[in-house]
Amino acid sequence: MSELRTRPAVSLRPVDEQMLSDLIELALCDAAQVSGSVRLAYLDAESLEIGIWLGKSARARGIGSAALSLVLDEARRLGACRVLARTTLSNHGARAILVAHGATESVSGEQVTAELALS
């Protein structure tokens, strides 16, 4: 019998209650421990740039995908119409998660910009 894979339970918590109006930093928590961090920065009134960093122990466990889902929900709540994420050509894990969530990629040298339209 094949093993069912469940989505990890992750949450986002403010790092600083006095956050700047154009930058939001959140701790990414898996169960009771901090597994990484998330950053959302306004590019303009309708666009956010996001960044997700995962500790090594949190990688390849579905936490990045679950975190991206939460970040996209938060971006929608904030009224964003699109989200950009920047990574490198060699960051296959991040690129796969972004594309799986509907991102289109633009490549320039070693830099990759992923764009997600929010509905």
Protein backbone atom coordinates (compact mmCIF):
# COMPACT_ATOMS: atom_id res chain seq x y z
CA MET A 1 0.00 0.00 0.00
CA SER A 2 1.41 3.41 -0.94
CA GLU A 3 2.04 5.95 1.78
CA LEU A 4 -0.23 8.99 1.71
CA ARG A 5 1.64 12.27 1.85
CA THR A 6 -0.06 14.94 3.89
CA ARG A 7 0.59 18.65 3.66
CA PRO A 8 2.64 19.88 6.61
CA ALA A 9 0.98 22.20 9.08
CA VAL A 10 2.83 25.49 8.88
CA SER A 11 2.01 28.96 10.11
CA LEU A 12 3.31 32.47 9.62
CA ARG A 13 3.99 34.70 12.62
CA PRO A 14 5.07 38.36 12.65
CA VAL A 15 8.75 38.85 13.44
CA ASP A 16 8.16 42.41 14.60
CA GLU A 17 4.84 43.92 15.61
CA GLN A 18 6.13 47.34 14.47
CA MET A 19 6.62 46.28 10.85
CA LEU A 20 7.38 48.86 8.19
CA SER A 21 4.45 49.65 5.94
CA ASP A 22 6.29 48.51 2.80
CA LEU A 23 8.00 45.40 4.22
CA ILE A 24 6.47 42.49 6.09
CA GLU A 25 8.72 39.86 7.71
CA LEU A 26 7.27 36.66 9.09
CA ALA A 27 8.67 33.60 10.82
CA LEU A 28 7.74 30.32 9.15
CA CYS A 29 6.81 27.81 11.84
CA ASP A 30 6.47 24.05 11.43
CA ALA A 31 4.73 22.70 14.55
CA ALA A 32 6.36 24.56 17.45
CA GLN A 33 9.69 25.40 15.84
CA VAL A 34 10.81 28.13 13.48
CA SER A 35 11.70 26.49 10.16
CA GLY A 36 12.46 29.56 8.09
CA SER A 37 11.35 33.06 7.25
CA VAL A 38 9.18 34.88 4.76
CA ARG A 39 9.45 38.40 3.40
CA LEU A 40 6.83 40.37 1.48
CA ALA A 41 7.84 43.77 0.10
CA TYR A 42 5.63 46.16 -1.83
CA LEU A 43 6.90 46.96 -5.32
CA ASP A 44 3.89 49.16 -6.04
CA ALA A 45 0.23 49.34 -4.97
CA GLU A 46 -0.67 46.06 -6.70
CA SER A 47 2.58 44.07 -6.64
CA LEU A 48 4.58 42.33 -3.93
CA GLU A 49 7.99 40.72 -4.06
CA ILE A 50 8.23 37.64 -1.88
CA GLY A 51 11.12 35.69 -0.47
CA ILE A 52 11.00 32.39 1.39
CA TRP A 53 14.00 30.93 3.19
CA LEU A 54 13.90 27.41 4.64
CA GLY A 55 16.35 25.85 7.05
CA LYS A 56 17.97 22.66 5.74
CA SER A 57 15.89 20.43 8.02
CA ALA A 58 12.69 21.90 6.54
CA ARG A 59 13.57 21.25 2.90
CA ALA A 60 12.04 18.48 0.75
CA ARG A 61 9.16 17.99 3.21
CA GLY A 62 6.44 20.06 1.51
CA ILE A 63 6.96 22.98 3.86
CA GLY A 64 8.07 25.34 1.08
CA SER A 65 4.93 24.66 -0.95
CA ALA A 66 2.69 25.04 2.11
CA ALA A 67 4.48 28.29 3.00
CA LEU A 68 4.05 29.65 -0.52
CA SER A 69 0.31 28.91 -0.33
CA LEU A 70 0.10 30.92 2.90
CA VAL A 71 2.16 33.76 1.43
CA LEU A 72 -0.05 33.94 -1.66
CA ASP A 73 -3.15 34.02 0.56
CA GLU A 74 -1.59 36.86 2.55
CA ALA A 75 -0.71 38.73 -0.66
CA ARG A 76 -4.33 38.44 -1.81
CA ARG A 77 -5.53 39.65 1.60
CA LEU A 78 -3.25 42.68 1.22
CA GLY A 79 -4.84 43.44 -2.16
CA ALA A 80 -1.95 42.44 -4.43
CA CYS A 81 -2.73 41.46 -8.03
CA ARG A 82 0.65 39.89 -8.69
CA VAL A 83 3.64 38.52 -6.83
CA LEU A 84 7.26 38.35 -7.97
CA ALA A 85 9.94 36.04 -6.60
CA ARG A 86 13.60 36.11 -7.57
CA THR A 87 15.94 33.16 -7.34
CA THR A 88 18.86 31.60 -9.18
CA LEU A 89 18.86 29.21 -12.11
CA SER A 90 20.37 26.47 -9.92
CA ASN A 91 17.69 26.71 -7.19
CA HIS A 92 15.61 23.88 -8.64
CA GLY A 93 13.54 23.36 -5.48
CA ALA A 94 12.31 26.95 -5.29
CA ARG A 95 11.69 27.09 -9.03
CA ALA A 96 9.67 23.86 -8.97
CA ILE A 97 7.48 25.13 -6.10
CA LEU A 98 6.86 28.46 -7.84
CA VAL A 99 5.97 26.84 -11.18
CA ALA A 100 3.71 24.31 -9.42
CA HIS A 101 1.78 27.29 -8.01
CA GLY A 102 1.35 28.79 -11.49
CA ALA A 103 4.37 31.07 -11.83
CA THR A 104 5.84 31.99 -15.18
CA GLU A 105 9.61 32.35 -15.26
CA SER A 106 11.88 34.88 -16.94
CA VAL A 107 15.57 33.97 -17.07
CA SER A 108 18.43 36.43 -17.44
CA GLY A 109 21.82 34.78 -17.07
CA GLU A 110 21.78 33.03 -13.70
CA GLN A 111 18.86 35.08 -12.34
CA VAL A 112 15.27 33.85 -12.50
CA THR A 113 12.23 36.03 -11.88
CA ALA A 114 8.97 34.17 -11.28
CA GLU A 115 5.68 36.02 -11.63
CA LEU A 116 2.38 34.82 -10.22
CA ALA A 117 -0.87 36.52 -11.15
CA LEU A 118 -3.31 36.52 -8.24
CA SER A 119 -7.05 36.21 -8.70
